[in-house]
Amino acid sequence: MTFETLRSQVLSTAQAMLAAGLTVGDSGNVSARAGQVEGRVLLAITPHGRYYDALLPDDIVVVDEEGEPVEGEGIPSAELLLHAAVYRARPDVGAVIHAHPPISSAVAVVGKPIPPILEDQMIFLGGQIEVAPHAMTGSEELVERAVKALGERNACLLANHGALAVGANLKAALVACQYLEKLAMAFLYATWAVQVNVLPPEVVEAEVAFFRMRG
């Protein structure tokens, strides 16, 4: 895939994220793996501080994991290090979305992991959703904590901040973000009802195994 095509797809995904209410204004960021040069990950990523509905494909920048420009003249997202770290830790990941969905953000404020309560949570997200302890935006602490909370799953929460979702491609990452928001809603509603029934361990084990098999 050419950089031109990839940049266009990153933009359309960022705009779809905005349209779906998974973020507001210029918050959040979207990236896609763009290859590798001399052992360094290349990624196409949304620029810093720009409104998604006003962007053009040329505004999406292609950089290496240290922020060195490859194509495009904009400033990459302040969360570049987070995206790069996920790609290094997870060779299976082709796209990363950091968003601020309203309900997922509420659960991130609560600071409790989402236990295994829905079957599609197991199959599409990979199990219990962990919460990375709070750290400043763009910091190494945030990167380390987020990558650890993500583990081998397709989503995690960032305490008092938002959500992180990944996938084999941009579509898969966006869908993972949507599944996370649906799950967060179910978790909060169940909590308000004072009754959170988790799935039986054997069901969790079988469905997480299916998640791994799906790749």
N, C-alpha and C. Protein backbone atom coordinates (compact mmCIF):
# COMPACT_ATOMS: atom_id res chain seq x y z
N MET A 1 0.84 -1.19 0.00
CA MET A 1 0.00 0.00 0.00
C MET A 1 0.88 1.25 0.00
N THR A 2 0.54 2.21 -0.82
CA THR A 2 1.33 3.43 -0.89
C THR A 2 1.06 4.31 0.32
N PHE A 3 2.02 5.21 0.60
CA PHE A 3 1.82 6.17 1.68
C PHE A 3 0.58 7.02 1.42
N GLU A 4 0.37 7.37 0.16
CA GLU A 4 -0.78 8.21 -0.20
C GLU A 4 -2.09 7.54 0.20
N THR A 5 -2.23 6.26 -0.13
CA THR A 5 -3.44 5.51 0.21
C THR A 5 -3.59 5.38 1.72
N LEU A 6 -2.50 5.08 2.40
CA LEU A 6 -2.53 4.89 3.85
C LEU A 6 -2.91 6.18 4.56
N ARG A 7 -2.37 7.29 4.11
CA ARG A 7 -2.69 8.59 4.72
C ARG A 7 -4.17 8.90 4.55
N SER A 8 -4.71 8.59 3.40
CA SER A 8 -6.13 8.80 3.15
C SER A 8 -6.98 7.94 4.08
N GLN A 9 -6.57 6.70 4.28
CA GLN A 9 -7.32 5.79 5.15
C GLN A 9 -7.23 6.22 6.62
N VAL A 10 -6.08 6.72 7.05
CA VAL A 10 -5.96 7.22 8.42
C VAL A 10 -6.91 8.39 8.63
N LEU A 11 -6.95 9.28 7.67
CA LEU A 11 -7.84 10.44 7.77
C LEU A 11 -9.30 10.00 7.84
N SER A 12 -9.72 9.11 6.95
CA SER A 12 -11.12 8.68 6.93
C SER A 12 -11.49 7.98 8.23
N THR A 13 -10.54 7.25 8.82
CA THR A 13 -10.80 6.59 10.10
C THR A 13 -10.93 7.61 11.22
N ALA A 14 -10.07 8.62 11.23
CA ALA A 14 -10.16 9.67 12.24
C ALA A 14 -11.49 10.41 12.14
N GLN A 15 -11.93 10.67 10.92
CA GLN A 15 -13.20 11.37 10.73
C GLN A 15 -14.38 10.47 11.11
N ALA A 16 -14.25 9.17 10.87
CA ALA A 16 -15.29 8.23 11.29
C ALA A 16 -15.35 8.14 12.82
N MET A 17 -14.19 8.19 13.47
CA MET A 17 -14.12 8.21 14.93
C MET A 17 -14.87 9.42 15.47
N LEU A 18 -14.65 10.57 14.86
CA LEU A 18 -15.32 11.79 15.28
C LEU A 18 -16.82 11.69 15.05
N ALA A 19 -17.23 11.22 13.88
CA ALA A 19 -18.64 11.12 13.53
C ALA A 19 -19.38 10.15 14.44
N ALA A 20 -18.69 9.12 14.92
CA ALA A 20 -19.30 8.12 15.79
C ALA A 20 -19.37 8.58 17.24
N GLY A 21 -18.86 9.76 17.52
CA GLY A 21 -18.90 10.27 18.89
C GLY A 21 -17.88 9.64 19.80
N LEU A 22 -16.81 9.07 19.23
CA LEU A 22 -15.78 8.43 20.03
C LEU A 22 -14.72 9.42 20.50
N THR A 23 -14.81 10.65 20.02
CA THR A 23 -13.93 11.72 20.49
C THR A 23 -14.58 13.05 20.10
N VAL A 24 -13.98 14.15 20.52
CA VAL A 24 -14.51 15.47 20.16
C VAL A 24 -13.36 16.37 19.71
N GLY A 25 -13.71 17.36 18.88
CA GLY A 25 -12.72 18.36 18.47
C GLY A 25 -11.50 17.75 17.81
N ASP A 26 -10.33 18.08 18.36
CA ASP A 26 -9.08 17.55 17.82
C ASP A 26 -8.44 16.55 18.77
N SER A 27 -9.22 16.05 19.74
CA SER A 27 -8.65 15.12 20.72
C SER A 27 -8.56 13.71 20.14
N GLY A 28 -7.71 12.91 20.76
CA GLY A 28 -7.47 11.56 20.27
C GLY A 28 -6.50 11.56 19.10
N ASN A 29 -6.15 10.37 18.64
CA ASN A 29 -5.23 10.24 17.52
C ASN A 29 -5.37 8.87 16.88
N VAL A 30 -5.02 8.80 15.60
CA VAL A 30 -5.16 7.57 14.82
C VAL A 30 -3.87 7.34 14.05
N SER A 31 -3.44 6.09 14.00
CA SER A 31 -2.25 5.78 13.21
C SER A 31 -2.37 4.42 12.55
N ALA A 32 -1.53 4.19 11.54
CA ALA A 32 -1.44 2.90 10.87
C ALA A 32 0.03 2.58 10.64
N ARG A 33 0.36 1.33 10.79
CA ARG A 33 1.74 0.89 10.53
C ARG A 33 2.05 1.09 9.05
N ALA A 34 3.18 1.73 8.75
CA ALA A 34 3.52 2.06 7.36
C ALA A 34 4.77 1.34 6.87
N GLY A 35 5.29 0.43 7.68
CA GLY A 35 6.48 -0.30 7.26
C GLY A 35 7.59 -0.21 8.29
N GLN A 36 8.79 -0.51 7.84
CA GLN A 36 9.95 -0.49 8.73
C GLN A 36 11.20 -0.18 7.92
N VAL A 37 12.06 0.66 8.48
CA VAL A 37 13.31 1.01 7.84
C VAL A 37 14.44 0.92 8.86
N GLU A 38 15.44 0.10 8.56
CA GLU A 38 16.59 -0.07 9.44
C GLU A 38 16.18 -0.36 10.88
N GLY A 39 15.18 -1.23 11.03
CA GLY A 39 14.73 -1.64 12.35
C GLY A 39 13.79 -0.67 13.03
N ARG A 40 13.49 0.46 12.40
CA ARG A 40 12.59 1.44 13.00
C ARG A 40 11.21 1.34 12.36
N VAL A 41 10.18 1.38 13.21
CA VAL A 41 8.81 1.35 12.74
C VAL A 41 8.46 2.67 12.05
N LEU A 42 7.80 2.59 10.91
CA LEU A 42 7.24 3.77 10.25
C LEU A 42 5.73 3.76 10.47
N LEU A 43 5.14 4.94 10.71
CA LEU A 43 3.71 5.00 10.90
C LEU A 43 3.13 6.28 10.31
N ALA A 44 1.92 6.14 9.79
CA ALA A 44 1.15 7.30 9.33
C ALA A 44 0.23 7.69 10.47
N ILE A 45 0.28 8.95 10.90
CA ILE A 45 -0.43 9.35 12.11
C ILE A 45 -1.05 10.74 11.94
N THR A 46 -2.15 10.95 12.63
CA THR A 46 -2.82 12.25 12.59
C THR A 46 -1.91 13.32 13.19
N PRO A 47 -2.03 14.55 12.73
CA PRO A 47 -1.17 15.63 13.22
C PRO A 47 -1.63 16.17 14.57
N HIS A 48 -0.75 16.87 15.22
CA HIS A 48 -1.04 17.46 16.53
C HIS A 48 -1.91 18.71 16.39
N GLY A 49 -2.97 18.78 17.23
CA GLY A 49 -3.74 20.01 17.36
C GLY A 49 -4.52 20.45 16.14
N ARG A 50 -5.01 19.50 15.35
CA ARG A 50 -5.78 19.86 14.15
C ARG A 50 -7.16 19.21 14.23
N TYR A 51 -8.19 19.95 13.83
CA TYR A 51 -9.54 19.41 13.82
C TYR A 51 -9.69 18.43 12.66
N TYR A 52 -10.23 17.25 12.96
CA TYR A 52 -10.31 16.19 11.97
C TYR A 52 -11.19 16.56 10.78
N ASP A 53 -12.25 17.32 11.03
CA ASP A 53 -13.15 17.63 9.93
C ASP A 53 -12.59 18.68 8.98
N ALA A 54 -11.41 19.23 9.32
CA ALA A 54 -10.78 20.23 8.45
C ALA A 54 -9.51 19.70 7.81
N LEU A 55 -9.19 18.43 8.03
CA LEU A 55 -7.94 17.86 7.51
C LEU A 55 -8.10 17.35 6.08
N LEU A 56 -6.97 17.31 5.39
CA LEU A 56 -6.85 16.66 4.09
C LEU A 56 -5.85 15.51 4.22
N PRO A 57 -5.87 14.56 3.28
CA PRO A 57 -4.92 13.45 3.37
C PRO A 57 -3.46 13.89 3.50
N ASP A 58 -3.09 14.99 2.85
CA ASP A 58 -1.71 15.47 2.92
C ASP A 58 -1.33 15.96 4.32
N ASP A 59 -2.33 16.19 5.18
CA ASP A 59 -2.05 16.63 6.55
C ASP A 59 -1.64 15.48 7.45
N ILE A 60 -1.93 14.25 7.02
CA ILE A 60 -1.49 13.07 7.77
C ILE A 60 0.00 12.88 7.52
N VAL A 61 0.76 12.74 8.60
CA VAL A 61 2.21 12.66 8.44
C VAL A 61 2.70 11.22 8.57
N VAL A 62 3.74 10.92 7.83
CA VAL A 62 4.42 9.62 7.95
C VAL A 62 5.77 9.89 8.59
N VAL A 63 6.01 9.22 9.73
CA VAL A 63 7.25 9.44 10.48
C VAL A 63 7.78 8.10 10.96
N ASP A 64 9.02 8.12 11.45
CA ASP A 64 9.51 6.91 12.11
C ASP A 64 9.14 7.00 13.59
N GLU A 65 9.50 5.99 14.34
CA GLU A 65 9.06 5.91 15.73
C GLU A 65 9.66 7.01 16.62
N GLU A 66 10.66 7.70 16.13
CA GLU A 66 11.25 8.80 16.89
C GLU A 66 10.75 10.16 16.41
N GLY A 67 9.83 10.13 15.45
CA GLY A 67 9.25 11.38 14.96
C GLY A 67 9.97 12.00 13.78
N GLU A 68 10.99 11.33 13.26
CA GLU A 68 11.68 11.85 12.09
C GLU A 68 10.77 11.75 10.87
N PRO A 69 10.58 12.86 10.14
CA PRO A 69 9.62 12.87 9.03
C PRO A 69 10.06 12.01 7.85
N VAL A 70 9.09 11.35 7.26
CA VAL A 70 9.29 10.56 6.05
C VAL A 70 8.48 11.16 4.91
N GLU A 71 7.25 11.55 5.24
CA GLU A 71 6.38 12.19 4.25
C GLU A 71 5.39 13.09 4.98
N GLY A 72 5.22 14.30 4.48
CA GLY A 72 4.33 15.26 5.12
C GLY A 72 5.12 16.25 5.97
N GLU A 73 4.54 17.40 6.19
CA GLU A 73 5.25 18.48 6.87
C GLU A 73 4.65 18.86 8.22
N GLY A 74 3.58 18.21 8.62
CA GLY A 74 2.94 18.55 9.88
C GLY A 74 3.69 18.00 11.09
N ILE A 75 3.21 18.39 12.26
CA ILE A 75 3.76 17.88 13.53
C ILE A 75 2.93 16.67 13.94
N PRO A 76 3.55 15.51 14.16
CA PRO A 76 2.77 14.32 14.53
C PRO A 76 2.12 14.48 15.89
N SER A 77 1.11 13.68 16.13
CA SER A 77 0.40 13.69 17.41
C SER A 77 1.35 13.61 18.59
N ALA A 78 0.95 14.25 19.69
CA ALA A 78 1.75 14.21 20.92
C ALA A 78 1.84 12.80 21.50
N GLU A 79 0.96 11.90 21.05
CA GLU A 79 0.98 10.52 21.53
C GLU A 79 1.76 9.59 20.59
N LEU A 80 2.63 10.16 19.77
CA LEU A 80 3.42 9.35 18.84
C LEU A 80 4.14 8.20 19.54
N LEU A 81 4.76 8.49 20.69
CA LEU A 81 5.53 7.46 21.40
C LEU A 81 4.66 6.30 21.82
N LEU A 82 3.41 6.59 22.19
CA LEU A 82 2.48 5.53 22.58
C LEU A 82 2.18 4.62 21.40
N HIS A 83 1.87 5.21 20.26
CA HIS A 83 1.57 4.42 19.07
C HIS A 83 2.77 3.56 18.67
N ALA A 84 3.95 4.18 18.65
CA ALA A 84 5.16 3.44 18.26
C ALA A 84 5.44 2.28 19.21
N ALA A 85 5.22 2.50 20.49
CA ALA A 85 5.48 1.45 21.48
C ALA A 85 4.53 0.27 21.29
N VAL A 86 3.28 0.56 20.95
CA VAL A 86 2.33 -0.53 20.70
C VAL A 86 2.77 -1.34 19.49
N TYR A 87 3.21 -0.68 18.43
CA TYR A 87 3.66 -1.41 17.25
C TYR A 87 4.89 -2.28 17.56
N ARG A 88 5.78 -1.77 18.38
CA ARG A 88 6.97 -2.56 18.74
C ARG A 88 6.58 -3.78 19.59
N ALA A 89 5.65 -3.58 20.51
CA ALA A 89 5.26 -4.66 21.42
C ALA A 89 4.34 -5.68 20.77
N ARG A 90 3.59 -5.23 19.75
CA ARG A 90 2.57 -6.08 19.14
C ARG A 90 2.74 -6.15 17.62
N PRO A 91 3.55 -7.08 17.13
CA PRO A 91 3.74 -7.21 15.68
C PRO A 91 2.44 -7.49 14.92
N ASP A 92 1.42 -7.99 15.63
CA ASP A 92 0.15 -8.30 14.98
C ASP A 92 -0.72 -7.06 14.75
N VAL A 93 -0.34 -5.94 15.34
CA VAL A 93 -1.17 -4.73 15.26
C VAL A 93 -0.78 -3.90 14.05
N GLY A 94 -1.79 -3.53 13.25
CA GLY A 94 -1.55 -2.70 12.08
C GLY A 94 -2.10 -1.29 12.21
N ALA A 95 -2.90 -1.04 13.27
CA ALA A 95 -3.48 0.28 13.47
C ALA A 95 -3.77 0.50 14.94
N VAL A 96 -3.65 1.76 15.36
CA VAL A 96 -3.87 2.14 16.76
C VAL A 96 -4.79 3.36 16.80
N ILE A 97 -5.77 3.31 17.68
CA ILE A 97 -6.66 4.44 17.90
C ILE A 97 -6.67 4.80 19.38
N HIS A 98 -6.34 6.04 19.67
CA HIS A 98 -6.51 6.58 21.02
C HIS A 98 -7.67 7.56 20.96
N ALA A 99 -8.73 7.26 21.71
CA ALA A 99 -9.95 8.07 21.63
C ALA A 99 -10.42 8.45 23.03
N HIS A 100 -11.44 9.30 23.08
CA HIS A 100 -12.03 9.73 24.34
C HIS A 100 -13.54 9.48 24.33
N PRO A 101 -13.95 8.22 24.16
CA PRO A 101 -15.39 7.93 24.13
C PRO A 101 -16.02 8.28 25.48
N PRO A 102 -17.22 8.87 25.50
CA PRO A 102 -17.79 9.35 26.76
C PRO A 102 -17.93 8.28 27.84
N ILE A 103 -18.49 7.13 27.49
CA ILE A 103 -18.75 6.12 28.52
C ILE A 103 -17.48 5.39 28.91
N SER A 104 -16.64 5.10 27.95
CA SER A 104 -15.34 4.49 28.28
C SER A 104 -14.54 5.43 29.18
N SER A 105 -14.61 6.72 28.90
CA SER A 105 -13.90 7.70 29.73
C SER A 105 -14.45 7.71 31.15
N ALA A 106 -15.77 7.53 31.28
CA ALA A 106 -16.36 7.47 32.62
C ALA A 106 -15.83 6.27 33.40
N VAL A 107 -15.74 5.13 32.73
CA VAL A 107 -15.19 3.94 33.39
C VAL A 107 -13.72 4.16 33.72
N ALA A 108 -13.00 4.87 32.85
CA ALA A 108 -11.59 5.17 33.12
C ALA A 108 -11.45 6.05 34.35
N VAL A 109 -12.43 6.91 34.60
CA VAL A 109 -12.42 7.75 35.81
C VAL A 109 -12.66 6.88 37.05
N VAL A 110 -13.57 5.92 36.93
CA VAL A 110 -13.83 5.00 38.04
C VAL A 110 -12.55 4.22 38.38
N GLY A 111 -11.80 3.86 37.34
CA GLY A 111 -10.49 3.24 37.56
C GLY A 111 -10.52 1.75 37.82
N LYS A 112 -11.66 1.11 37.58
CA LYS A 112 -11.75 -0.33 37.80
C LYS A 112 -11.75 -1.07 36.47
N PRO A 113 -11.06 -2.21 36.39
CA PRO A 113 -11.09 -2.98 35.15
C PRO A 113 -12.50 -3.48 34.86
N ILE A 114 -12.78 -3.72 33.59
CA ILE A 114 -14.08 -4.29 33.21
C ILE A 114 -13.92 -5.81 33.17
N PRO A 115 -14.57 -6.52 34.10
CA PRO A 115 -14.41 -7.98 34.15
C PRO A 115 -15.08 -8.63 32.94
N PRO A 116 -14.91 -9.93 32.77
CA PRO A 116 -15.51 -10.63 31.63
C PRO A 116 -17.02 -10.75 31.77
N ILE A 117 -17.77 -9.82 31.17
CA ILE A 117 -19.22 -9.80 31.34
C ILE A 117 -19.99 -10.05 30.05
N LEU A 118 -19.37 -9.82 28.89
CA LEU A 118 -20.06 -10.02 27.61
C LEU A 118 -19.26 -10.96 26.72
N GLU A 119 -19.98 -11.78 25.96
CA GLU A 119 -19.29 -12.73 25.09
C GLU A 119 -18.49 -12.03 24.01
N ASP A 120 -19.05 -10.96 23.41
CA ASP A 120 -18.29 -10.29 22.35
C ASP A 120 -17.05 -9.59 22.92
N GLN A 121 -17.07 -9.28 24.21
CA GLN A 121 -15.86 -8.74 24.86
C GLN A 121 -14.73 -9.75 24.78
N MET A 122 -15.05 -11.01 25.02
CA MET A 122 -14.03 -12.06 24.97
C MET A 122 -13.54 -12.27 23.53
N ILE A 123 -14.51 -12.37 22.63
CA ILE A 123 -14.19 -12.76 21.25
C ILE A 123 -13.47 -11.65 20.48
N PHE A 124 -13.89 -10.40 20.68
CA PHE A 124 -13.36 -9.32 19.85
C PHE A 124 -12.32 -8.43 20.57
N LEU A 125 -12.36 -8.43 21.90
CA LEU A 125 -11.39 -7.60 22.63
C LEU A 125 -10.36 -8.43 23.38
N GLY A 126 -10.69 -9.69 23.67
CA GLY A 126 -9.67 -10.58 24.22
C GLY A 126 -9.68 -10.80 25.70
N GLY A 127 -10.71 -10.32 26.41
CA GLY A 127 -10.77 -10.59 27.84
C GLY A 127 -11.04 -9.37 28.69
N GLN A 128 -10.69 -9.48 29.96
CA GLN A 128 -10.90 -8.37 30.90
C GLN A 128 -10.18 -7.12 30.42
N ILE A 129 -10.86 -5.99 30.50
CA ILE A 129 -10.27 -4.73 30.05
C ILE A 129 -9.59 -4.05 31.24
N GLU A 130 -8.29 -3.89 31.13
CA GLU A 130 -7.50 -3.32 32.22
C GLU A 130 -7.45 -1.80 32.11
N VAL A 131 -7.13 -1.17 33.23
CA VAL A 131 -7.00 0.29 33.28
C VAL A 131 -5.55 0.65 33.59
N ALA A 132 -4.92 1.37 32.69
CA ALA A 132 -3.55 1.84 32.92
C ALA A 132 -3.58 2.98 33.93
N PRO A 133 -2.77 2.93 34.99
CA PRO A 133 -2.72 4.04 35.96
C PRO A 133 -2.43 5.36 35.26
N HIS A 134 -2.93 6.44 35.83
CA HIS A 134 -2.80 7.74 35.19
C HIS A 134 -1.35 8.18 35.04
N ALA A 135 -1.07 8.81 33.92
CA ALA A 135 0.23 9.44 33.66
C ALA A 135 -0.02 10.57 32.68
N MET A 136 0.89 11.51 32.63
CA MET A 136 0.72 12.68 31.77
C MET A 136 0.74 12.29 30.29
N THR A 137 -0.06 13.01 29.51
CA THR A 137 -0.11 12.82 28.07
C THR A 137 1.29 12.94 27.45
N GLY A 138 1.64 11.98 26.60
CA GLY A 138 2.91 12.02 25.91
C GLY A 138 4.10 11.56 26.71
N SER A 139 3.89 11.16 27.97
CA SER A 139 5.01 10.78 28.83
C SER A 139 5.40 9.32 28.65
N GLU A 140 6.64 9.00 29.02
CA GLU A 140 7.10 7.62 28.96
C GLU A 140 6.32 6.75 29.94
N GLU A 141 5.90 7.35 31.06
CA GLU A 141 5.11 6.60 32.04
C GLU A 141 3.79 6.15 31.43
N LEU A 142 3.15 7.05 30.68
CA LEU A 142 1.90 6.68 30.03
C LEU A 142 2.12 5.56 29.03
N VAL A 143 3.18 5.66 28.27
CA VAL A 143 3.50 4.64 27.27
C VAL A 143 3.67 3.28 27.93
N GLU A 144 4.49 3.21 28.96
CA GLU A 144 4.77 1.94 29.64
C GLU A 144 3.50 1.35 30.26
N ARG A 145 2.72 2.20 30.91
CA ARG A 145 1.53 1.71 31.59
C ARG A 145 0.45 1.27 30.61
N ALA A 146 0.32 1.99 29.51
CA ALA A 146 -0.70 1.65 28.52
C ALA A 146 -0.36 0.33 27.82
N VAL A 147 0.89 0.17 27.43
CA VAL A 147 1.30 -1.07 26.75
C VAL A 147 1.11 -2.27 27.67
N LYS A 148 1.41 -2.09 28.95
CA LYS A 148 1.22 -3.18 29.91
C LYS A 148 -0.26 -3.49 30.09
N ALA A 149 -1.11 -2.46 30.20
CA ALA A 149 -2.55 -2.68 30.37
C ALA A 149 -3.16 -3.31 29.13
N LEU A 150 -2.66 -2.96 27.96
CA LEU A 150 -3.17 -3.53 26.72
C LEU A 150 -2.85 -5.01 26.63
N GLY A 151 -1.61 -5.36 26.94
CA GLY A 151 -1.21 -6.77 26.86
C GLY A 151 -1.44 -7.33 25.48
N GLU A 152 -2.09 -8.49 25.43
CA GLU A 152 -2.36 -9.12 24.13
C GLU A 152 -3.79 -8.85 23.67
N ARG A 153 -4.49 -7.98 24.40
CA ARG A 153 -5.88 -7.69 24.06
C ARG A 153 -5.97 -6.59 22.99
N ASN A 154 -7.20 -6.27 22.60
CA ASN A 154 -7.40 -5.26 21.56
C ASN A 154 -7.85 -3.91 22.10
N ALA A 155 -7.91 -3.77 23.42
CA ALA A 155 -8.30 -2.49 24.00
C ALA A 155 -7.90 -2.42 25.46
N CYS A 156 -7.74 -1.20 25.95
CA CYS A 156 -7.57 -0.94 27.37
C CYS A 156 -8.06 0.46 27.66
N LEU A 157 -8.15 0.80 28.94
CA LEU A 157 -8.53 2.14 29.36
C LEU A 157 -7.33 2.85 29.95
N LEU A 158 -7.32 4.17 29.83
CA LEU A 158 -6.27 5.00 30.40
C LEU A 158 -6.92 5.83 31.50
N ALA A 159 -6.52 5.63 32.74
CA ALA A 159 -7.19 6.24 33.87
C ALA A 159 -7.30 7.76 33.72
N ASN A 160 -8.52 8.28 33.96
CA ASN A 160 -8.79 9.71 33.90
C ASN A 160 -8.40 10.34 32.56
N HIS A 161 -8.48 9.54 31.51
CA HIS A 161 -8.00 10.01 30.21
C HIS A 161 -8.89 9.54 29.07
N GLY A 162 -8.91 8.26 28.79
CA GLY A 162 -9.68 7.79 27.65
C GLY A 162 -9.44 6.33 27.37
N ALA A 163 -9.37 5.99 26.09
CA ALA A 163 -9.31 4.60 25.67
C ALA A 163 -8.25 4.39 24.60
N LEU A 164 -7.78 3.16 24.52
CA LEU A 164 -6.83 2.75 23.49
C LEU A 164 -7.37 1.49 22.85
N ALA A 165 -7.44 1.47 21.51
CA ALA A 165 -7.93 0.30 20.79
C ALA A 165 -6.99 0.01 19.63
N VAL A 166 -6.81 -1.27 19.34
CA VAL A 166 -5.90 -1.68 18.27
C VAL A 166 -6.56 -2.73 17.40
N GLY A 167 -5.99 -2.93 16.21
CA GLY A 167 -6.48 -3.97 15.33
C GLY A 167 -5.48 -4.27 14.24
N ALA A 168 -5.77 -5.28 13.47
CA ALA A 168 -4.89 -5.67 12.38
C ALA A 168 -4.86 -4.60 11.29
N ASN A 169 -5.92 -3.81 11.23
CA ASN A 169 -6.01 -2.72 10.26
C ASN A 169 -6.86 -1.61 10.87
N LEU A 170 -7.03 -0.53 10.13
CA LEU A 170 -7.75 0.62 10.66
C LEU A 170 -9.21 0.31 10.95
N LYS A 171 -9.86 -0.43 10.08
CA LYS A 171 -11.25 -0.80 10.30
C LYS A 171 -11.39 -1.61 11.59
N ALA A 172 -10.50 -2.59 11.77
CA ALA A 172 -10.57 -3.44 12.95
C ALA A 172 -10.33 -2.64 14.24
N ALA A 173 -9.41 -1.68 14.19
CA ALA A 173 -9.15 -0.86 15.37
C ALA A 173 -10.36 0.01 15.70
N LEU A 174 -11.01 0.56 14.68
CA LEU A 174 -12.20 1.39 14.92
C LEU A 174 -13.32 0.55 15.51
N VAL A 175 -13.51 -0.65 14.99
CA VAL A 175 -14.55 -1.53 15.51
C VAL A 175 -14.24 -1.93 16.95
N ALA A 176 -12.98 -2.16 17.26
CA ALA A 176 -12.59 -2.49 18.64
C ALA A 176 -12.94 -1.34 19.58
N CYS A 177 -12.74 -0.12 19.12
CA CYS A 177 -13.08 1.06 19.92
C CYS A 177 -14.59 1.12 20.15
N GLN A 178 -15.36 0.77 19.14
CA GLN A 178 -16.82 0.76 19.27
C GLN A 178 -17.28 -0.35 20.22
N TYR A 179 -16.65 -1.52 20.13
CA TYR A 179 -16.98 -2.61 21.05
C TYR A 179 -16.65 -2.18 22.49
N LEU A 180 -15.54 -1.50 22.68
CA LEU A 180 -15.16 -1.06 24.01
C LEU A 180 -16.20 -0.10 24.58
N GLU A 181 -16.68 0.84 23.77
CA GLU A 181 -17.68 1.79 24.24
C GLU A 181 -18.99 1.08 24.60
N LYS A 182 -19.40 0.11 23.79
CA LYS A 182 -20.59 -0.69 24.09
C LYS A 182 -20.41 -1.45 25.40
N LEU A 183 -19.24 -2.04 25.58
CA LEU A 183 -18.94 -2.80 26.79
C LEU A 183 -18.95 -1.89 28.02
N ALA A 184 -18.36 -0.72 27.90
CA ALA A 184 -18.32 0.23 29.02
C ALA A 184 -19.72 0.62 29.43
N MET A 185 -20.61 0.81 28.45
CA MET A 185 -21.99 1.15 28.76
C MET A 185 -22.66 0.02 29.54
N ALA A 186 -22.49 -1.21 29.07
CA ALA A 186 -23.08 -2.36 29.76
C ALA A 186 -22.54 -2.47 31.19
N PHE A 187 -21.26 -2.23 31.35
CA PHE A 187 -20.62 -2.33 32.67
C PHE A 187 -21.18 -1.29 33.63
N LEU A 188 -21.29 -0.05 33.15
CA LEU A 188 -21.81 1.01 34.02
C LEU A 188 -23.27 0.75 34.37
N TYR A 189 -24.09 0.34 33.39
CA TYR A 189 -25.50 0.06 33.67
C TYR A 189 -25.63 -1.07 34.68
N ALA A 190 -24.81 -2.11 34.52
CA ALA A 190 -24.87 -3.24 35.45
C ALA A 190 -24.43 -2.81 36.85
N THR A 191 -23.43 -1.94 36.90
CA THR A 191 -22.95 -1.44 38.20
C THR A 191 -24.04 -0.63 38.90
N TRP A 192 -24.75 0.18 38.12
CA TRP A 192 -25.84 0.97 38.70
C TRP A 192 -26.95 0.07 39.22
N ALA A 193 -27.13 -1.08 38.57
CA ALA A 193 -28.16 -2.03 39.00
C ALA A 193 -27.68 -2.87 40.18
N VAL A 194 -26.45 -2.64 40.61
CA VAL A 194 -25.82 -3.35 41.74
C VAL A 194 -25.77 -4.85 41.48
N GLN A 195 -25.57 -5.22 40.22
CA GLN A 195 -25.49 -6.64 39.89
C GLN A 195 -24.62 -6.82 38.66
N VAL A 196 -23.38 -7.25 38.85
CA VAL A 196 -22.49 -7.53 37.74
C VAL A 196 -22.18 -9.02 37.74
N ASN A 197 -22.80 -9.75 36.83
CA ASN A 197 -22.59 -11.19 36.72
C ASN A 197 -21.52 -11.47 35.67
N VAL A 198 -20.40 -12.02 36.10
CA VAL A 198 -19.32 -12.32 35.15
C VAL A 198 -19.58 -13.67 34.49
N LEU A 199 -18.96 -13.86 33.34
CA LEU A 199 -19.08 -15.13 32.64
C LEU A 199 -18.36 -16.24 33.41
N PRO A 200 -18.82 -17.49 33.29
CA PRO A 200 -18.13 -18.61 33.94
C PRO A 200 -16.71 -18.75 33.41
N PRO A 201 -15.77 -19.17 34.24
CA PRO A 201 -14.37 -19.29 33.82
C PRO A 201 -14.18 -20.13 32.57
N GLU A 202 -14.95 -21.23 32.44
CA GLU A 202 -14.77 -22.09 31.27
C GLU A 202 -15.21 -21.39 29.99
N VAL A 203 -16.22 -20.53 30.09
CA VAL A 203 -16.66 -19.77 28.93
C VAL A 203 -15.60 -18.73 28.56
N VAL A 204 -15.07 -18.05 29.56
CA VAL A 204 -14.00 -17.07 29.32
C VAL A 204 -12.82 -17.73 28.64
N GLU A 205 -12.41 -18.87 29.14
CA GLU A 205 -11.25 -19.57 28.57
C GLU A 205 -11.49 -19.96 27.12
N ALA A 206 -12.68 -20.48 26.84
CA ALA A 206 -12.99 -20.93 25.47
C ALA A 206 -13.07 -19.75 24.51
N GLU A 207 -13.66 -18.63 24.95
CA GLU A 207 -13.85 -17.51 24.04
C GLU A 207 -12.58 -16.69 23.86
N VAL A 208 -11.74 -16.63 24.88
CA VAL A 208 -10.44 -15.99 24.71
C VAL A 208 -9.58 -16.82 23.75
N ALA A 209 -9.71 -18.14 23.84
CA ALA A 209 -8.99 -19.00 22.89
C ALA A 209 -9.46 -18.72 21.47
N PHE A 210 -10.75 -18.46 21.29
CA PHE A 210 -11.27 -18.11 19.96
C PHE A 210 -10.72 -16.78 19.51
N PHE A 211 -10.62 -15.82 20.43
CA PHE A 211 -10.02 -14.52 20.12
C PHE A 211 -8.61 -14.69 19.60
N ARG A 212 -7.81 -15.52 20.26
CA ARG A 212 -6.43 -15.74 19.82
C ARG A 212 -6.39 -16.44 18.47
N MET A 213 -7.32 -17.36 18.25
CA MET A 213 -7.35 -18.08 16.98
C MET A 213 -7.70 -17.14 15.83
N ARG A 214 -8.57 -16.13 16.12
CA ARG A 214 -8.94 -15.17 15.09
C ARG A 214 -7.77 -14.31 14.67
N GLY A 215 -6.77 -14.17 15.55
CA GLY A 215 -5.60 -13.38 15.23
C GLY A 215 -5.85 -11.90 15.39
